[in-house]
PDB file of N, CA and C in Angstrom:
ATOM      1  N   MET A   1       7.588  -9.743 -12.742  1.00  0.00           N
ATOM      2  CA  MET A   1       7.434  -8.565 -11.858  1.00  0.00           C
ATOM      3  C   MET A   1       7.628  -8.556 -10.614  1.00  0.00           C
ATOM      4  N   THR A   2       8.087  -7.784  -9.936  1.00  0.00           N
ATOM      5  CA  THR A   2       9.052  -8.033  -8.373  1.00  0.00           C
ATOM      6  C   THR A   2       7.890  -7.691  -7.418  1.00  0.00           C
ATOM      7  N   LEU A   3       7.560  -8.620  -6.448  1.00  0.00           N
ATOM      8  CA  LEU A   3       6.846  -8.532  -5.483  1.00  0.00           C
ATOM      9  C   LEU A   3       7.182  -7.555  -4.637  1.00  0.00           C
ATOM     10  N   LYS A   4       6.056  -6.588  -4.045  1.00  0.00           N
ATOM     11  CA  LYS A   4       6.731  -5.319  -3.456  1.00  0.00           C
ATOM     12  C   LYS A   4       6.300  -5.432  -2.345  1.00  0.00           C
ATOM     13  N   VAL A   5       6.901  -5.289  -0.997  1.00  0.00           N
ATOM     14  CA  VAL A   5       6.094  -4.981   0.594  1.00  0.00           C
ATOM     15  C   VAL A   5       6.211  -3.544   0.769  1.00  0.00           C
ATOM     16  N   PHE A   6       5.628  -3.533   1.880  1.00  0.00           N
ATOM     17  CA  PHE A   6       5.688  -1.769   2.213  1.00  0.00           C
ATOM     18  C   PHE A   6       5.829  -2.028   3.820  1.00  0.00           C
ATOM     19  N   GLN A   7       7.140  -1.034   3.750  1.00  0.00           N
ATOM     20  CA  GLN A   7       7.710  -0.732   5.130  1.00  0.00           C
ATOM     21  C   GLN A   7       7.369   0.540   5.760  1.00  0.00           C
ATOM     22  N   CYS A   8       6.793   0.581   7.223  1.00  0.00           N
ATOM     23  CA  CYS A   8       6.912   2.239   8.053  1.00  0.00           C
ATOM     24  C   CYS A   8       7.377   2.459   7.958  1.00  0.00           C
ATOM     25  N   GLU A   9       7.632   3.947   7.975  1.00  0.00           N
ATOM     26  CA  GLU A   9       8.660   5.008   7.844  1.00  0.00           C
ATOM     27  C   GLU A   9       9.059   5.022   9.148  1.00  0.00           C
ATOM     28  N   GLN A  10       8.083   5.330   9.935  1.00  0.00           N
ATOM     29  CA  GLN A  10       8.131   5.741  11.713  1.00  0.00           C
ATOM     30  C   GLN A  10       8.993   4.388  12.180  1.00  0.00           C
ATOM     31  N   CYS A  11       8.331   2.773  12.229  1.00  0.00           N
ATOM     32  CA  CYS A  11       8.392   2.329  13.148  1.00  0.00           C
ATOM     33  C   CYS A  11       9.408   0.929  12.559  1.00  0.00           C
ATOM     34  N   GLY A  12       9.209   1.002  11.024  1.00  0.00           N
ATOM     35  CA  GLY A  12      10.048  -0.025  10.381  1.00  0.00           C
ATOM     36  C   GLY A  12       8.929  -1.481  10.311  1.00  0.00           C
ATOM     37  N   LEU A  13       8.018  -1.278  10.640  1.00  0.00           N
ATOM     38  CA  LEU A  13       7.397  -2.890  10.286  1.00  0.00           C
ATOM     39  C   LEU A  13       6.711  -2.763   8.809  1.00  0.00           C
ATOM     40  N   THR A  14       6.700  -4.133   8.198  1.00  0.00           N
ATOM     41  CA  THR A  14       6.679  -4.316   7.124  1.00  0.00           C
ATOM     42  C   THR A  14       5.669  -5.150   7.146  1.00  0.00           C
ATOM     43  N   VAL A  15       4.447  -5.099   5.949  1.00  0.00           N
ATOM     44  CA  VAL A  15       3.798  -5.556   5.680  1.00  0.00           C
ATOM     45  C   VAL A  15       3.531  -5.837   4.223  1.00  0.00           C
ATOM     46  N   PHE A  16       2.568  -6.684   4.156  1.00  0.00           N
ATOM     47  CA  PHE A  16       1.485  -7.068   2.932  1.00  0.00           C
ATOM     48  C   PHE A  16       0.376  -7.462   3.220  1.00  0.00           C
ATOM     49  N   PRO A  17      -0.729  -6.961   2.136  1.00  0.00           N
ATOM     50  CA  PRO A  17      -0.525  -5.988   1.211  1.00  0.00           C
ATOM     51  C   PRO A  17      -0.491  -4.438   2.172  1.00  0.00           C
ATOM     52  N   ALA A  18      -0.423  -3.452   1.171  1.00  0.00           N
ATOM     53  CA  ALA A  18      -0.207  -2.352   1.534  1.00  0.00           C
ATOM     54  C   ALA A  18      -1.262  -1.892   2.650  1.00  0.00           C
ATOM     55  N   ARG A  19      -1.382  -1.003   3.751  1.00  0.00           N
ATOM     56  CA  ARG A  19      -2.427  -0.938   4.598  1.00  0.00           C
ATOM     57  C   ARG A  19      -2.200   0.728   4.457  1.00  0.00           C
ATOM     58  N   TYR A  20      -3.475   1.367   4.858  1.00  0.00           N
ATOM     59  CA  TYR A  20      -3.525   2.791   5.148  1.00  0.00           C
ATOM     60  C   TYR A  20      -2.661   3.474   5.957  1.00  0.00           C
ATOM     61  N   LEU A  21      -2.764   2.762   7.410  1.00  0.00           N
ATOM     62  CA  LEU A  21      -2.181   3.171   8.392  1.00  0.00           C
ATOM     63  C   LEU A  21      -1.398   2.203   9.089  1.00  0.00           C
ATOM     64  N   CYS A  22      -0.106   2.008   9.773  1.00  0.00           N
ATOM     65  CA  CYS A  22       0.817   1.138  10.522  1.00  0.00           C
ATOM     66  C   CYS A  22      -0.302   0.770  11.667  1.00  0.00           C
ATOM     67  N   PHE A  23      -0.710  -0.556  11.766  1.00  0.00           N
ATOM     68  CA  PHE A  23      -1.077  -1.062  13.004  1.00  0.00           C
ATOM     69  C   PHE A  23      -0.096  -1.103  14.071  1.00  0.00           C
ATOM     70  N   GLN A  24       0.880  -1.174  13.733  1.00  0.00           N
ATOM     71  CA  GLN A  24       1.652  -1.044  14.915  1.00  0.00           C
ATOM     72  C   GLN A  24       2.390   0.627  15.963  1.00  0.00           C
ATOM     73  N   CYS A  25       2.405   1.476  15.222  1.00  0.00           N
ATOM     74  CA  CYS A  25       2.304   2.943  15.795  1.00  0.00           C
ATOM     75  C   CYS A  25       1.563   4.119  15.229  1.00  0.00           C
ATOM     76  N   GLY A  26       0.407   3.194  13.693  1.00  0.00           N
ATOM     77  CA  GLY A  26      -0.496   4.183  13.648  1.00  0.00           C
ATOM     78  C   GLY A  26      -0.152   5.324  12.672  1.00  0.00           C
ATOM     79  N   ALA A  27       1.140   5.159  11.749  1.00  0.00           N
ATOM     80  CA  ALA A  27       1.937   6.331  10.944  1.00  0.00           C
ATOM     81  C   ALA A  27       1.102   5.826   9.682  1.00  0.00           C
ATOM     82  N   ALA A  28       1.113   6.952   8.765  1.00  0.00           N
ATOM     83  CA  ALA A  28       0.418   6.808   7.477  1.00  0.00           C
ATOM     84  C   ALA A  28       1.402   6.835   6.404  1.00  0.00           C
ATOM     85  N   LYS A  29       2.854   6.826   6.324  1.00  0.00           N
ATOM     86  CA  LYS A  29       4.152   6.980   5.362  1.00  0.00           C
ATOM     87  C   LYS A  29       4.531   5.380   5.164  1.00  0.00           C
ATOM     88  N   TRP A  30       4.637   5.100   3.886  1.00  0.00           N
ATOM     89  CA  TRP A  30       5.408   3.940   3.511  1.00  0.00           C
ATOM     90  C   TRP A  30       6.259   3.859   2.898  1.00  0.00           C
ATOM     91  N   ARG A  31       7.482   2.865   2.703  1.00  0.00           N
ATOM     92  CA  ARG A  31       8.348   3.203   1.612  1.00  0.00           C
ATOM     93  C   ARG A  31       8.046   1.708   0.840  1.00  0.00           C
ATOM     94  N   GLU A  32       8.398   1.350  -0.508  1.00  0.00           N
ATOM     95  CA  GLU A  32       8.101  -0.187  -0.986  1.00  0.00           C
ATOM     96  C   GLU A  32       9.706  -0.572  -0.951  1.00  0.00           C
ATOM     97  N   ARG A  33       9.260  -2.184  -0.634  1.00  0.00           N
ATOM     98  CA  ARG A  33      10.680  -3.031  -0.489  1.00  0.00           C
ATOM     99  C   ARG A  33      10.359  -3.849  -1.407  1.00  0.00           C
ATOM    100  N   ALA A  34      11.506  -4.530  -2.173  1.00  0.00           N
ATOM    101  CA  ALA A  34      11.440  -5.861  -2.848  1.00  0.00           C
ATOM    102  C   ALA A  34      11.021  -6.905  -2.023  1.00  0.00           C
ATOM    103  N   ALA A  35      10.161  -7.881  -2.467  1.00  0.00           N
ATOM    104  CA  ALA A  35      10.524  -9.217  -1.423  1.00  0.00           C
ATOM    105  C   ALA A  35      11.065 -10.410  -2.914  1.00  0.00           C
ATOM    106  N   GLU A  36      12.294 -10.707  -2.979  1.00  0.00           N
ATOM    107  CA  GLU A  36      12.477 -11.297  -4.002  1.00  0.00           C
ATOM    108  C   GLU A  36      12.423 -12.964  -4.072  1.00  0.00           C
ATOM    109  N   ARG A  37      12.567 -13.287  -2.412  1.00  0.00           N
ATOM    110  CA  ARG A  37      12.780 -14.280  -2.500  1.00  0.00           C
ATOM    111  C   ARG A  37      12.216 -14.549  -0.530  1.00  0.00           C
ATOM    112  N   GLY A  38      12.128 -15.962  -0.305  1.00  0.00           N
ATOM    113  CA  GLY A  38      11.453 -16.603   0.572  1.00  0.00           C
ATOM    114  C   GLY A  38      11.876 -18.077   1.140  1.00  0.00           C
ATOM    115  N   THR A  39      10.977 -18.474   1.869  1.00  0.00           N
ATOM    116  CA  THR A  39      11.010 -20.032   2.255  1.00  0.00           C
ATOM    117  C   THR A  39       9.434 -20.471   2.755  1.00  0.00           C
ATOM    118  N   ILE A  40       9.024 -21.385   2.009  1.00  0.00           N
ATOM    119  CA  ILE A  40       7.753 -22.037   2.226  1.00  0.00           C
ATOM    120  C   ILE A  40       7.863 -22.586   3.655  1.00  0.00           C
ATOM    121  N   ASP A  41       6.554 -21.862   4.356  1.00  0.00           N
ATOM    122  CA  ASP A  41       6.425 -22.763   5.828  1.00  0.00           C
ATOM    123  C   ASP A  41       5.303 -23.416   5.549  1.00  0.00           C
ATOM    124  N   GLU A  42       4.188 -23.452   4.947  1.00  0.00           N
ATOM    125  CA  GLU A  42       3.016 -24.505   4.685  1.00  0.00           C
ATOM    126  C   GLU A  42       2.589 -24.545   2.990  1.00  0.00           C
ATOM    127  N   LEU A  43       1.698 -25.851   3.064  1.00  0.00           N
ATOM    128  CA  LEU A  43       1.246 -26.138   1.438  1.00  0.00           C
ATOM    129  C   LEU A  43      -0.354 -26.457   1.991  1.00  0.00           C
ATOM    130  N   THR A  44      -1.044 -26.237   0.589  1.00  0.00           N
ATOM    131  CA  THR A  44      -2.117 -26.983   0.731  1.00  0.00           C
ATOM    132  C   THR A  44      -2.420 -26.842  -1.020  1.00  0.00           C
ATOM    133  N   THR A  45      -3.422 -28.117  -1.334  1.00  0.00           N
ATOM    134  CA  THR A  45      -3.873 -27.784  -2.382  1.00  0.00           C
ATOM    135  C   THR A  45      -5.334 -27.207  -2.650  1.00  0.00           C
ATOM    136  N   VAL A  46      -5.316 -26.419  -3.851  1.00  0.00           N
ATOM    137  CA  VAL A  46      -7.245 -25.817  -3.873  1.00  0.00           C
ATOM    138  C   VAL A  46      -7.609 -27.109  -4.768  1.00  0.00           C
ATOM    139  N   ARG A  47      -8.656 -27.765  -4.295  1.00  0.00           N
ATOM    140  CA  ARG A  47      -9.016 -28.680  -6.006  1.00  0.00           C
ATOM    141  C   ARG A  47     -10.428 -28.509  -6.329  1.00  0.00           C
ATOM    142  N   ARG A  48     -10.945 -27.678  -5.519  1.00  0.00           N
ATOM    143  CA  ARG A  48     -12.525 -27.198  -6.110  1.00  0.00           C
ATOM    144  C   ARG A  48     -12.482 -25.749  -5.717  1.00  0.00           C
ATOM    145  N   ARG A  49     -12.861 -25.427  -6.920  1.00  0.00           N
ATOM    146  CA  ARG A  49     -12.971 -23.632  -7.181  1.00  0.00           C
ATOM    147  C   ARG A  49     -14.216 -23.215  -7.845  1.00  0.00           C
ATOM    148  N   VAL A  50     -14.817 -22.543  -7.216  1.00  0.00           N
ATOM    149  CA  VAL A  50     -16.072 -22.068  -7.520  1.00  0.00           C
ATOM    150  C   VAL A  50     -15.823 -21.270  -8.938  1.00  0.00           C
ATOM    151  N   GLY A  51     -16.568 -21.298  -9.939  1.00  0.00           N
ATOM    152  CA  GLY A  51     -16.405 -20.718 -11.270  1.00  0.00           C
ATOM    153  C   GLY A  51     -15.218 -21.113 -12.136  1.00  0.00           C
ATOM    154  N   ALA A  52     -14.175 -21.915 -11.550  1.00  0.00           N
ATOM    155  CA  ALA A  52     -13.370 -22.873 -12.082  1.00  0.00           C
ATOM    156  C   ALA A  52     -13.576 -22.979 -13.786  1.00  0.00           C
ATOM    157  N   ARG A  53     -12.592 -22.420 -14.910  1.00  0.00           N
ATOM    158  CA  ARG A  53     -13.009 -22.829 -16.237  1.00  0.00           C
ATOM    159  C   ARG A  53     -12.174 -24.035 -16.357  1.00  0.00           C
ATOM    160  N   ASP A  54     -10.965 -24.270 -15.883  1.00  0.00           N
ATOM    161  CA  ASP A  54     -10.298 -25.471 -16.307  1.00  0.00           C
ATOM    162  C   ASP A  54      -9.942 -26.648 -15.634  1.00  0.00           C
ATOM    163  N   GLY A  55     -10.940 -26.594 -14.312  1.00  0.00           N
ATOM    164  CA  GLY A  55     -10.939 -27.294 -13.172  1.00  0.00           C
ATOM    165  C   GLY A  55      -9.851 -28.267 -12.721  1.00  0.00           C
ATOM    166  N   GLY A  56      -8.554 -27.311 -12.335  1.00  0.00           N
ATOM    167  CA  GLY A  56      -7.584 -27.982 -12.114  1.00  0.00           C
ATOM    168  C   GLY A  56      -7.181 -27.511 -10.929  1.00  0.00           C
ATOM    169  N   ASP A  57      -6.589 -28.289 -10.389  1.00  0.00           N
ATOM    170  CA  ASP A  57      -5.804 -28.104  -8.396  1.00  0.00           C
ATOM    171  C   ASP A  57      -4.634 -26.981  -8.799  1.00  0.00           C
ATOM    172  N   VAL A  58      -5.149 -26.111  -7.708  1.00  0.00           N
ATOM    173  CA  VAL A  58      -4.491 -24.851  -7.479  1.00  0.00           C
ATOM    174  C   VAL A  58      -2.979 -25.407  -6.439  1.00  0.00           C
ATOM    175  N   LEU A  59      -2.078 -25.127  -6.215  1.00  0.00           N
ATOM    176  CA  LEU A  59      -0.983 -25.133  -5.314  1.00  0.00           C
ATOM    177  C   LEU A  59      -0.829 -23.941  -4.649  1.00  0.00           C
ATOM    178  N   LEU A  60      -1.324 -24.027  -3.223  1.00  0.00           N
ATOM    179  CA  LEU A  60      -0.599 -22.777  -2.477  1.00  0.00           C
ATOM    180  C   LEU A  60       0.259 -22.732  -1.661  1.00  0.00           C
ATOM    181  N   ALA A  61       1.324 -21.679  -1.090  1.00  0.00           N
ATOM    182  CA  ALA A  61       2.025 -22.000  -0.322  1.00  0.00           C
ATOM    183  C   ALA A  61       2.155 -20.356   0.955  1.00  0.00           C
ATOM    184  N   SER A  62       2.448 -20.744   1.709  1.00  0.00           N
ATOM    185  CA  SER A  62       2.447 -19.757   2.949  1.00  0.00           C
ATOM    186  C   SER A  62       4.067 -19.539   2.708  1.00  0.00           C
ATOM    187  N   VAL A  63       4.311 -18.007   2.296  1.00  0.00           N
ATOM    188  CA  VAL A  63       5.985 -17.891   2.166  1.00  0.00           C
ATOM    189  C   VAL A  63       6.308 -16.608   3.026  1.00  0.00           C
ATOM    190  N   THR A  64       7.410 -17.024   3.776  1.00  0.00           N
ATOM    191  CA  THR A  64       8.039 -16.009   4.889  1.00  0.00           C
ATOM    192  C   THR A  64       8.992 -15.494   3.945  1.00  0.00           C
ATOM    193  N   THR A  65       8.659 -14.034   3.442  1.00  0.00           N
ATOM    194  CA  THR A  65       9.575 -13.639   2.469  1.00  0.00           C
ATOM    195  C   THR A  65      11.058 -12.922   3.084  1.00  0.00           C
ATOM    196  N   ASP A  66      11.779 -12.799   1.931  1.00  0.00           N
ATOM    197  CA  ASP A  66      13.297 -12.193   3.187  1.00  0.00           C
ATOM    198  C   ASP A  66      12.920 -10.670   3.734  1.00  0.00           C
ATOM    199  N   ALA A  67      11.707 -10.323   3.415  1.00  0.00           N
ATOM    200  CA  ALA A  67      11.665  -8.544   3.598  1.00  0.00           C
ATOM    201  C   ALA A  67      10.768  -9.102   5.003  1.00  0.00           C
ATOM    202  N   GLY A  68      10.402  -9.714   5.004  1.00  0.00           N
ATOM    203  CA  GLY A  68       9.816 -10.382   6.469  1.00  0.00           C
ATOM    204  C   GLY A  68       8.437 -10.797   6.931  1.00  0.00           C
ATOM    205  N   PRO A  69       7.411  -9.920   6.110  1.00  0.00           N
ATOM    206  CA  PRO A  69       6.171 -10.617   5.952  1.00  0.00           C
ATOM    207  C   PRO A  69       5.685 -12.210   5.288  1.00  0.00           C
ATOM    208  N   ILE A  70       4.590 -12.511   5.402  1.00  0.00           N
ATOM    209  CA  ILE A  70       4.009 -13.705   5.031  1.00  0.00           C
ATOM    210  C   ILE A  70       2.793 -13.523   3.792  1.00  0.00           C
ATOM    211  N   VAL A  71       3.393 -14.074   2.468  1.00  0.00           N
ATOM    212  CA  VAL A  71       2.678 -14.260   1.399  1.00  0.00           C
ATOM    213  C   VAL A  71       2.244 -15.237   1.343  1.00  0.00           C
ATOM    214  N   ILE A  72       1.055 -15.246   0.828  1.00  0.00           N
ATOM    215  CA  ILE A  72       0.230 -16.426  -0.160  1.00  0.00           C
ATOM    216  C   ILE A  72       0.490 -16.318  -1.549  1.00  0.00           C
ATOM    217  N   ALA A  73       1.062 -17.609  -2.005  1.00  0.00           N
ATOM    218  CA  ALA A  73       1.697 -17.492  -3.198  1.00  0.00           C
ATOM    219  C   ALA A  73       1.413 -18.917  -3.963  1.00  0.00           C
ATOM    220  N   ARG A  74       1.022 -18.899  -5.282  1.00  0.00           N
ATOM    221  CA  ARG A  74       0.689 -20.032  -6.255  1.00  0.00           C
ATOM    222  C   ARG A  74       2.132 -20.796  -6.391  1.00  0.00           C
ATOM    223  N   ILE A  75       2.023 -22.159  -6.230  1.00  0.00           N
ATOM    224  CA  ILE A  75       3.268 -22.713  -6.662  1.00  0.00           C
ATOM    225  C   ILE A  75       3.095 -23.656  -7.665  1.00  0.00           C
ATOM    226  N   GLU A  76       4.146 -23.938  -8.821  1.00  0.00           N
ATOM    227  CA  GLU A  76       3.900 -24.585 -10.001  1.00  0.00           C
ATOM    228  C   GLU A  76       3.958 -26.400  -9.640  1.00  0.00           C
ATOM    229  N   ARG A  77       4.555 -26.886  -8.755  1.00  0.00           N
ATOM    230  CA  ARG A  77       4.725 -28.232  -8.431  1.00  0.00           C
ATOM    231  C   ARG A  77       4.967 -27.880  -7.044  1.00  0.00           C
ATOM    232  N   ALA A  78       4.727 -29.539  -6.460  1.00  0.00           N
ATOM    233  CA  ALA A  78       4.961 -30.239  -5.223  1.00  0.00           C
ATOM    234  C   ALA A  78       6.006 -29.704  -4.790  1.00  0.00           C
ATOM    235  N   MET A  79       5.932 -28.895  -3.376  1.00  0.00           N
ATOM    236  CA  MET A  79       7.197 -28.753  -2.724  1.00  0.00           C
ATOM    237  C   MET A  79       7.057 -29.165  -1.441  1.00  0.00           C
ATOM    238  N   ARG A  80       8.207 -28.345  -0.273  1.00  0.00           N
ATOM    239  CA  ARG A  80       8.124 -28.897   0.799  1.00  0.00           C
ATOM    240  C   ARG A  80       8.615 -27.810   2.233  1.00  0.00           C
ATOM    241  N   ALA A  81       8.013 -27.701   2.884  1.00  0.00           N
ATOM    242  CA  ALA A  81       8.278 -26.895   4.003  1.00  0.00           C
ATOM    243  C   ALA A  81       9.698 -26.774   4.043  1.00  0.00           C
ATOM    244  N   GLY A  82      10.010 -25.680   4.394  1.00  0.00           N
ATOM    245  CA  GLY A  82      11.158 -25.295   4.259  1.00  0.00           C
ATOM    246  C   GLY A  82      12.483 -24.784   3.204  1.00  0.00           C
ATOM    247  N   ASP A  83      11.776 -25.195   1.655  1.00  0.00           N
ATOM    248  CA  ASP A  83      12.400 -24.836   0.367  1.00  0.00           C
ATOM    249  C   ASP A  83      12.417 -23.302   0.162  1.00  0.00           C
ATOM    250  N   ALA A  84      13.182 -22.930  -0.497  1.00  0.00           N
ATOM    251  CA  ALA A  84      13.513 -21.704  -0.945  1.00  0.00           C
ATOM    252  C   ALA A  84      12.931 -21.471  -2.465  1.00  0.00           C
ATOM    253  N   VAL A  85      12.669 -20.242  -2.281  1.00  0.00           N
ATOM    254  CA  VAL A  85      11.818 -19.863  -3.257  1.00  0.00           C
ATOM    255  C   VAL A  85      12.037 -18.610  -4.202  1.00  0.00           C
ATOM    256  N   ARG A  86      12.100 -18.405  -5.450  1.00  0.00           N
ATOM    257  CA  ARG A  86      12.329 -16.840  -5.729  1.00  0.00           C
ATOM    258  C   ARG A  86      10.354 -16.525  -6.140  1.00  0.00           C
ATOM    259  N   LEU A  87      10.173 -15.301  -5.602  1.00  0.00           N
ATOM    260  CA  LEU A  87       9.036 -14.539  -5.571  1.00  0.00           C
ATOM    261  C   LEU A  87       8.872 -13.611  -6.870  1.00  0.00           C
ATOM    262  N   ALA A  88       7.324 -13.596  -7.575  1.00  0.00           N
ATOM    263  CA  ALA A  88       7.315 -12.961  -8.659  1.00  0.00           C
ATOM    264  C   ALA A  88       5.865 -12.366  -8.252  1.00  0.00           C
ATOM    265  N   ILE A  89       5.072 -11.518  -9.375  1.00  0.00           N
ATOM    266  CA  ILE A  89       4.034 -11.092  -9.289  1.00  0.00           C
ATOM    267  C   ILE A  89       3.626 -11.631 -11.147  1.00  0.00           C
ATOM    268  N   ASP A  90       2.576 -12.348 -11.447  1.00  0.00           N
ATOM    269  CA  ASP A  90       2.573 -12.432 -12.616  1.00  0.00           C
ATOM    270  C   ASP A  90       1.388 -11.285 -13.514  1.00  0.00           C
ATOM    271  N   GLU A  91       1.142 -11.613 -14.844  1.00  0.00           N
ATOM    272  CA  GLU A  91       0.472 -10.492 -15.794  1.00  0.00           C
ATOM    273  C   GLU A  91      -1.109 -10.424 -14.852  1.00  0.00           C
ATOM    274  N   GLN A  92      -1.705 -10.986 -14.063  1.00  0.00           N
ATOM    275  CA  GLN A  92      -2.646 -11.278 -13.521  1.00  0.00           C
ATOM    276  C   GLN A  92      -3.018 -10.689 -12.097  1.00  0.00           C
ATOM    277  N   SER A  93      -1.755 -10.500 -11.313  1.00  0.00           N
ATOM    278  CA  SER A  93      -1.220  -9.965 -10.082  1.00  0.00           C
ATOM    279  C   SER A  93      -1.175 -10.860  -9.066  1.00  0.00           C
ATOM    280  N   ARG A  94      -1.287 -11.991  -9.360  1.00  0.00           N
ATOM    281  CA  ARG A  94      -1.009 -12.901  -8.472  1.00  0.00           C
ATOM    282  C   ARG A  94       0.604 -13.222  -7.920  1.00  0.00           C
ATOM    283  N   VAL A  95       0.661 -13.639  -6.841  1.00  0.00           N
ATOM    284  CA  VAL A  95       2.274 -14.106  -6.169  1.00  0.00           C
ATOM    285  C   VAL A  95       2.383 -15.495  -6.806  1.00  0.00           C
ATOM    286  N   LEU A  96       3.764 -15.625  -7.270  1.00  0.00           N
ATOM    287  CA  LEU A  96       4.158 -16.713  -7.675  1.00  0.00           C
ATOM    288  C   LEU A  96       5.074 -17.273  -6.980  1.00  0.00           C
ATOM    289  N   ALA A  97       5.345 -18.137  -6.578  1.00  0.00           N
ATOM    290  CA  ALA A  97       6.898 -18.886  -6.066  1.00  0.00           C
ATOM    291  C   ALA A  97       7.603 -20.312  -6.876  1.00  0.00           C
ATOM    292  N   ARG A  98       8.510 -19.799  -7.127  1.00  0.00           N
ATOM    293  CA  ARG A  98       9.035 -20.853  -7.776  1.00  0.00           C
ATOM    294  C   ARG A  98      10.487 -20.649  -7.262  1.00  0.00           C
ATOM    295  N   PRO A  99      10.967 -22.257  -7.302  1.00  0.00           N
ATOM    296  CA  PRO A  99      11.917 -22.837  -6.836  1.00  0.00           C
ATOM    297  C   PRO A  99      13.303 -22.213  -7.353  1.00  0.00           C
ATOM    298  N   ILE A 100      14.386 -22.158  -6.469  1.00  0.00           N
ATOM    299  CA  ILE A 100      15.283 -21.878  -6.347  1.00  0.00           C
ATOM    300  C   ILE A 100      16.443 -23.139  -6.967  1.00  0.00           C
ATOM    301  N   ALA A 101      16.958 -22.839  -7.822  1.00  0.00           N
ATOM    302  CA  ALA A 101      17.546 -24.147  -8.484  1.00  0.00           C
ATOM    303  C   ALA A 101      18.940 -23.814  -8.135  1.00  0.00           C
TER     304      ALA A 101
END
């Protein structure tokens, strides 16, 4: 599934996740935009998760999307800042970032 970000119809500000009101101009009308690609800004590893059943590490990245907003995404393997990724949403509504081959 494709990641959707939200663009204010009045001023053009693009945000994620959705907001009731635009914090830049106060408008309440949004249009959806697809955010299919991005660039990794920062990475981290979560080693201990409360309530985790599998006990495995989770790799997370801050990704600047091609549509503008920064999202936090799960990554499958170690990557580096500056790497280009393809963005998607999984069946559990998590944002995923996969390397562009």
